[in-house]
Amino acid sequence: MADPIVIDTGAVRVSLSSEVLRPLVEAAVREALAAVPQQAKPAERTEGAERRPLAVSHREAAALIGVSARLLDDLAIPVVRAGRRRLYRVADLEAWLEHQVHGEGRSAQ
């Protein structure tokens, strides 16, 4: 038989054998885990699906929409600042392109 496990809180001292303590701990852990909300399972990715970035650099943004970096400065596309870096959300670039398809044309900031 294993040595008893002693729990001393200062006010109470309990001595339990591991055979008694193990089922108590397992039950407490199961109860605690049941109370934790389950995380949603991530959507399964299809084979060959690529992860795309949320934002791209100034130069990458210009290349994505097919304009020069200088012209990109004149377009009304929202910019996210991260320190000194200018980032463009891919969703904003796509929205700008969609806007151009509908004949709205180039607009200055």
C-alpha atoms as a PDB file:
ATOM      1  CA  MET A   1       0.000   0.000   0.000  1.00  0.00           C
ATOM      2  CA  ALA A   2       1.252   3.475  -0.917  1.00  0.00           C
ATOM      3  CA  ASP A   3       1.977   6.149   1.663  1.00  0.00           C
ATOM      4  CA  PRO A   4      -1.075   8.258   2.517  1.00  0.00           C
ATOM      5  CA  ILE A   5      -1.410  11.720   0.987  1.00  0.00           C
ATOM      6  CA  VAL A   6      -1.690  14.418   3.614  1.00  0.00           C
ATOM      7  CA  ILE A   7      -3.530  17.667   2.950  1.00  0.00           C
ATOM      8  CA  ASP A   8      -2.969  20.271   5.642  1.00  0.00           C
ATOM      9  CA  THR A   9      -4.815  23.599   5.369  1.00  0.00           C
ATOM     10  CA  GLY A  10      -3.715  24.778   8.786  1.00  0.00           C
ATOM     11  CA  ALA A  11      -7.190  24.411  10.233  1.00  0.00           C
ATOM     12  CA  VAL A  12      -7.805  20.913   8.938  1.00  0.00           C
ATOM     13  CA  ARG A  13      -5.476  18.009   8.304  1.00  0.00           C
ATOM     14  CA  VAL A  14      -6.686  15.119   6.142  1.00  0.00           C
ATOM     15  CA  SER A  15      -4.809  11.943   5.362  1.00  0.00           C
ATOM     16  CA  LEU A  16      -6.075   9.873   2.422  1.00  0.00           C
ATOM     17  CA  SER A  17      -4.757   6.857   0.599  1.00  0.00           C
ATOM     18  CA  SER A  18      -4.201   7.188  -3.144  1.00  0.00           C
ATOM     19  CA  GLU A  19      -6.947   4.577  -3.701  1.00  0.00           C
ATOM     20  CA  VAL A  20      -9.452   6.916  -2.040  1.00  0.00           C
ATOM     21  CA  LEU A  21      -8.037  10.150  -3.401  1.00  0.00           C
ATOM     22  CA  ARG A  22      -7.819   9.155  -7.078  1.00  0.00           C
ATOM     23  CA  PRO A  23     -11.586   8.716  -7.707  1.00  0.00           C
ATOM     24  CA  LEU A  24     -12.286  11.975  -5.838  1.00  0.00           C
ATOM     25  CA  VAL A  25      -9.815  13.908  -8.002  1.00  0.00           C
ATOM     26  CA  GLU A  26     -11.107  12.284 -11.209  1.00  0.00           C
ATOM     27  CA  ALA A  27     -14.693  13.213 -10.310  1.00  0.00           C
ATOM     28  CA  ALA A  28     -13.702  16.806  -9.498  1.00  0.00           C
ATOM     29  CA  VAL A  29     -11.799  17.160 -12.776  1.00  0.00           C
ATOM     30  CA  ARG A  30     -14.718  15.711 -14.787  1.00  0.00           C
ATOM     31  CA  GLU A  31     -17.112  18.134 -13.072  1.00  0.00           C
ATOM     32  CA  ALA A  32     -14.820  21.104 -13.726  1.00  0.00           C
ATOM     33  CA  LEU A  33     -14.358  20.165 -17.377  1.00  0.00           C
ATOM     34  CA  ALA A  34     -18.100  19.737 -17.867  1.00  0.00           C
ATOM     35  CA  ALA A  35     -18.617  23.313 -16.656  1.00  0.00           C
ATOM     36  CA  VAL A  36     -16.182  24.730 -19.224  1.00  0.00           C
ATOM     37  CA  PRO A  37     -17.912  25.766 -22.475  1.00  0.00           C
ATOM     38  CA  GLN A  38     -16.813  23.604 -25.351  1.00  0.00           C
ATOM     39  CA  GLN A  39     -14.877  25.409 -28.048  1.00  0.00           C
ATOM     40  CA  ALA A  40     -16.364  25.355 -31.492  1.00  0.00           C
ATOM     41  CA  LYS A  41     -14.619  22.932 -33.771  1.00  0.00           C
ATOM     42  CA  PRO A  42     -12.744  24.830 -36.480  1.00  0.00           C
ATOM     43  CA  ALA A  43     -14.189  24.489 -39.926  1.00  0.00           C
ATOM     44  CA  GLU A  44     -12.480  21.707 -41.766  1.00  0.00           C
ATOM     45  CA  ARG A  45     -10.337  22.853 -44.621  1.00  0.00           C
ATOM     46  CA  THR A  46     -10.629  21.242 -47.968  1.00  0.00           C
ATOM     47  CA  GLU A  47      -7.543  19.751 -49.491  1.00  0.00           C
ATOM     48  CA  GLY A  48      -5.433  22.286 -51.298  1.00  0.00           C
ATOM     49  CA  ALA A  49      -7.116  25.236 -49.583  1.00  0.00           C
ATOM     50  CA  GLU A  50      -4.636  27.989 -48.789  1.00  0.00           C
ATOM     51  CA  ARG A  51      -4.649  30.244 -45.784  1.00  0.00           C
ATOM     52  CA  ARG A  52      -4.716  33.813 -46.918  1.00  0.00           C
ATOM     53  CA  PRO A  53      -3.449  36.687 -44.844  1.00  0.00           C
ATOM     54  CA  LEU A  54      -5.821  39.155 -43.214  1.00  0.00           C
ATOM     55  CA  ALA A  55      -3.622  42.089 -44.214  1.00  0.00           C
ATOM     56  CA  VAL A  56      -0.738  42.735 -46.576  1.00  0.00           C
ATOM     57  CA  SER A  57       2.023  45.317 -46.850  1.00  0.00           C
ATOM     58  CA  HIS A  58       1.804  48.433 -49.009  1.00  0.00           C
ATOM     59  CA  ARG A  59       3.864  46.848 -51.789  1.00  0.00           C
ATOM     60  CA  GLU A  60       1.894  43.560 -51.641  1.00  0.00           C
ATOM     61  CA  ALA A  61      -1.410  45.463 -51.738  1.00  0.00           C
ATOM     62  CA  ALA A  62      -0.333  47.337 -54.855  1.00  0.00           C
ATOM     63  CA  ALA A  63       0.673  44.073 -56.529  1.00  0.00           C
ATOM     64  CA  LEU A  64      -2.605  42.387 -55.542  1.00  0.00           C
ATOM     65  CA  ILE A  65      -4.755  45.003 -57.237  1.00  0.00           C
ATOM     66  CA  GLY A  66      -2.327  45.554 -60.093  1.00  0.00           C
ATOM     67  CA  VAL A  67      -1.268  49.159 -59.519  1.00  0.00           C
ATOM     68  CA  SER A  68       1.985  50.848 -58.597  1.00  0.00           C
ATOM     69  CA  ALA A  69       2.781  51.551 -54.949  1.00  0.00           C
ATOM     70  CA  ARG A  70       2.666  55.269 -55.753  1.00  0.00           C
ATOM     71  CA  LEU A  71      -0.825  55.023 -57.284  1.00  0.00           C
ATOM     72  CA  LEU A  72      -2.003  53.023 -54.283  1.00  0.00           C
ATOM     73  CA  ASP A  73      -1.266  56.088 -52.131  1.00  0.00           C
ATOM     74  CA  ASP A  74      -3.870  58.060 -54.111  1.00  0.00           C
ATOM     75  CA  LEU A  75      -6.653  55.485 -53.836  1.00  0.00           C
ATOM     76  CA  ALA A  76      -9.343  55.633 -51.169  1.00  0.00           C
ATOM     77  CA  ILE A  77      -8.510  52.311 -49.588  1.00  0.00           C
ATOM     78  CA  PRO A  78      -8.411  52.194 -45.776  1.00  0.00           C
ATOM     79  CA  VAL A  79      -4.955  51.776 -44.247  1.00  0.00           C
ATOM     80  CA  VAL A  80      -4.156  50.107 -40.935  1.00  0.00           C
ATOM     81  CA  ARG A  81      -1.076  51.469 -39.202  1.00  0.00           C
ATOM     82  CA  ALA A  82       1.157  49.059 -37.298  1.00  0.00           C
ATOM     83  CA  GLY A  83       3.902  51.290 -36.024  1.00  0.00           C
ATOM     84  CA  ARG A  84       5.499  52.719 -39.159  1.00  0.00           C
ATOM     85  CA  ARG A  85       4.108  50.002 -41.406  1.00  0.00           C
ATOM     86  CA  ARG A  86       1.061  50.561 -43.582  1.00  0.00           C
ATOM     87  CA  LEU A  87      -1.095  47.463 -43.876  1.00  0.00           C
ATOM     88  CA  TYR A  88      -4.082  46.895 -46.109  1.00  0.00           C
ATOM     89  CA  ARG A  89      -6.796  44.436 -45.147  1.00  0.00           C
ATOM     90  CA  VAL A  90      -7.354  41.983 -47.973  1.00  0.00           C
ATOM     91  CA  ALA A  91     -11.116  42.404 -47.474  1.00  0.00           C
ATOM     92  CA  ASP A  92     -10.764  46.185 -48.063  1.00  0.00           C
ATOM     93  CA  LEU A  93      -8.768  45.590 -51.250  1.00  0.00           C
ATOM     94  CA  GLU A  94     -11.430  43.197 -52.508  1.00  0.00           C
ATOM     95  CA  ALA A  95     -14.187  45.681 -51.650  1.00  0.00           C
ATOM     96  CA  TRP A  96     -12.347  48.435 -53.518  1.00  0.00           C
ATOM     97  CA  LEU A  97     -11.986  46.214 -56.582  1.00  0.00           C
ATOM     98  CA  GLU A  98     -15.671  45.305 -56.443  1.00  0.00           C
ATOM     99  CA  HIS A  99     -16.493  48.995 -56.247  1.00  0.00           C
ATOM    100  CA  GLN A 100     -14.405  49.594 -59.394  1.00  0.00           C
ATOM    101  CA  VAL A 101     -16.256  46.857 -61.276  1.00  0.00           C
ATOM    102  CA  HIS A 102     -19.496  48.756 -60.807  1.00  0.00           C
ATOM    103  CA  GLY A 103     -18.109  51.787 -62.600  1.00  0.00           C
ATOM    104  CA  GLU A 104     -17.418  54.027 -59.638  1.00  0.00           C
ATOM    105  CA  GLY A 105     -13.865  54.735 -60.866  1.00  0.00           C
ATOM    106  CA  ARG A 106     -10.835  56.023 -59.026  1.00  0.00           C
ATOM    107  CA  SER A 107     -11.338  58.204 -56.015  1.00  0.00           C
ATOM    108  CA  ALA A 108      -8.719  60.167 -54.101  1.00  0.00           C
ATOM    109  CA  GLN A 109      -8.288  59.946 -50.328  1.00  0.00           C
END
